[in-house]
Amino acid sequence: YRSMQTLCSWFQMQGYSPRSAPSHKEIQQTLFRLGDKERSFIGSKQWIGAFEICLCLQELYGVSSRILNFSSGSEIPDRAREIAHHFDTQGTPIMIGGGVLAYTLLGIDWNQDTG
């Protein structure tokens, strides 16, 4: 939830949307309304993942996104060029998650000569 709220706050702070970050309940209600979750999900402490965040970003902000799969965090250095390209061309934050962990990247320090 916090990673999604960070992404949403970024869109607001950059002037892409006047909408403030949704509450946990609003996120849950959106996922129920879209048919992704049962009514019992609303008010629960169940986690959401990247797929659910993509659904909510599209529904609430009209933002399309994509999911990149990494088998482990050790793959991140191998994909640094791709991540740097994203920040150079898109500029939007990146959410990285796995299991119950989630991180939001706002940039990357990557050296083209050393990787």
Protein backbone atom coordinates (compact mmCIF):
# COMPACT_ATOMS: atom_id res chain seq x y z
CA TYR A 1 0.00 0.00 0.00
CA ARG A 2 2.76 2.47 0.94
CA SER A 3 4.60 1.97 -2.35
CA MET A 4 1.41 2.66 -4.27
CA GLN A 5 0.71 5.72 -2.16
CA THR A 6 4.25 6.97 -2.82
CA LEU A 7 3.73 6.56 -6.57
CA CYS A 8 0.40 8.39 -6.38
CA SER A 9 1.91 11.21 -4.33
CA TRP A 10 4.64 11.57 -6.95
CA PHE A 11 2.02 12.01 -9.69
CA GLN A 12 0.30 14.68 -7.61
CA MET A 13 3.52 16.50 -6.66
CA GLN A 14 4.68 16.56 -10.30
CA GLY A 15 1.38 18.10 -11.40
CA TYR A 16 0.19 15.07 -13.39
CA SER A 17 -2.89 14.66 -11.21
CA PRO A 18 -4.75 16.82 -8.71
CA ARG A 19 -5.80 13.65 -6.90
CA SER A 20 -4.13 12.87 -3.58
CA ALA A 21 -2.94 9.38 -2.68
CA PRO A 22 -5.79 6.97 -1.95
CA SER A 23 -6.30 5.50 1.50
CA HIS A 24 -5.92 1.78 2.15
CA LYS A 25 -9.70 1.48 2.18
CA GLU A 26 -10.05 3.32 -1.12
CA ILE A 27 -7.48 1.01 -2.71
CA GLN A 28 -9.35 -2.01 -1.36
CA GLN A 29 -12.71 -0.67 -2.57
CA THR A 30 -11.24 -0.05 -6.02
CA LEU A 31 -9.96 -3.62 -6.26
CA PHE A 32 -13.36 -4.94 -5.15
CA ARG A 33 -15.18 -2.71 -7.65
CA LEU A 34 -12.89 -3.96 -10.44
CA GLY A 35 -13.72 -7.56 -9.52
CA ASP A 36 -10.18 -8.42 -8.46
CA LYS A 37 -11.06 -8.98 -4.79
CA GLU A 38 -14.01 -10.20 -2.75
CA ARG A 39 -16.01 -7.81 -0.54
CA SER A 40 -14.31 -9.33 2.54
CA PHE A 41 -11.04 -7.80 1.32
CA ILE A 42 -12.30 -4.32 2.23
CA GLY A 43 -11.00 -3.45 5.69
CA SER A 44 -8.66 -6.46 5.80
CA LYS A 45 -4.92 -6.44 6.39
CA GLN A 46 -4.19 -8.50 3.26
CA TRP A 47 -1.24 -7.43 1.16
CA ILE A 48 -1.46 -6.18 -2.39
CA GLY A 49 1.17 -6.78 -5.02
CA ALA A 50 2.40 -5.25 -8.23
CA PHE A 51 -0.56 -6.54 -10.24
CA GLU A 52 -3.07 -4.90 -7.91
CA ILE A 53 -1.07 -1.67 -7.96
CA CYS A 54 -1.17 -1.68 -11.77
CA LEU A 55 -4.95 -2.11 -11.68
CA CYS A 56 -5.40 0.77 -9.23
CA LEU A 57 -3.03 3.12 -11.06
CA GLN A 58 -4.96 2.54 -14.28
CA GLU A 59 -8.37 2.92 -12.66
CA LEU A 60 -7.67 5.85 -10.35
CA TYR A 61 -5.10 7.82 -12.37
CA GLY A 62 -5.35 6.56 -15.95
CA VAL A 63 -1.70 5.50 -15.72
CA SER A 64 -0.58 2.41 -17.57
CA SER A 65 2.32 0.44 -16.14
CA ARG A 66 4.16 -2.78 -16.70
CA ILE A 67 5.60 -5.47 -14.50
CA LEU A 68 9.18 -6.67 -14.94
CA ASN A 69 10.01 -9.97 -13.32
CA PHE A 70 13.27 -10.54 -11.49
CA SER A 71 14.02 -13.91 -9.92
CA SER A 72 16.08 -12.20 -7.20
CA GLY A 73 17.53 -8.87 -6.17
CA SER A 74 20.89 -9.97 -7.51
CA GLU A 75 19.53 -9.36 -11.03
CA ILE A 76 19.12 -5.63 -10.45
CA PRO A 77 22.73 -4.69 -11.31
CA ASP A 78 22.38 -6.66 -14.57
CA ARG A 79 19.29 -4.60 -15.44
CA ALA A 80 20.72 -1.23 -14.30
CA ARG A 81 20.98 0.06 -17.87
CA GLU A 82 17.29 -0.67 -18.43
CA ILE A 83 16.34 1.01 -15.14
CA ALA A 84 18.50 4.05 -15.94
CA HIS A 85 16.88 4.28 -19.38
CA HIS A 86 13.46 4.33 -17.72
CA PHE A 87 14.45 7.26 -15.53
CA ASP A 88 16.01 9.08 -18.50
CA THR A 89 12.96 8.65 -20.75
CA GLN A 90 9.98 8.33 -18.39
CA GLY A 91 11.15 9.75 -15.07
CA THR A 92 8.43 8.09 -13.05
CA PRO A 93 9.24 6.13 -9.88
CA ILE A 94 9.67 2.38 -9.99
CA MET A 95 8.19 0.02 -7.43
CA ILE A 96 10.18 -3.12 -6.73
CA GLY A 97 8.67 -5.89 -4.68
CA GLY A 98 9.08 -9.51 -3.80
CA GLY A 99 7.29 -11.55 -1.18
CA VAL A 100 6.23 -9.11 1.53
CA LEU A 101 8.91 -6.54 0.68
CA ALA A 102 8.40 -3.48 -1.48
CA TYR A 103 10.68 -0.60 -2.39
CA THR A 104 10.12 2.52 -4.45
CA LEU A 105 13.02 3.79 -6.55
CA LEU A 106 13.09 7.48 -7.39
CA GLY A 107 16.34 7.30 -9.35
CA ILE A 108 19.48 5.28 -9.97
CA ASP A 109 23.17 6.11 -9.88
CA TRP A 110 24.58 4.12 -12.79
CA ASN A 111 27.92 4.53 -14.48
CA GLN A 112 27.94 3.51 -18.14
CA ASP A 113 31.65 2.63 -18.02
CA THR A 114 31.65 0.56 -14.83
CA GLY A 115 28.03 -0.64 -14.70
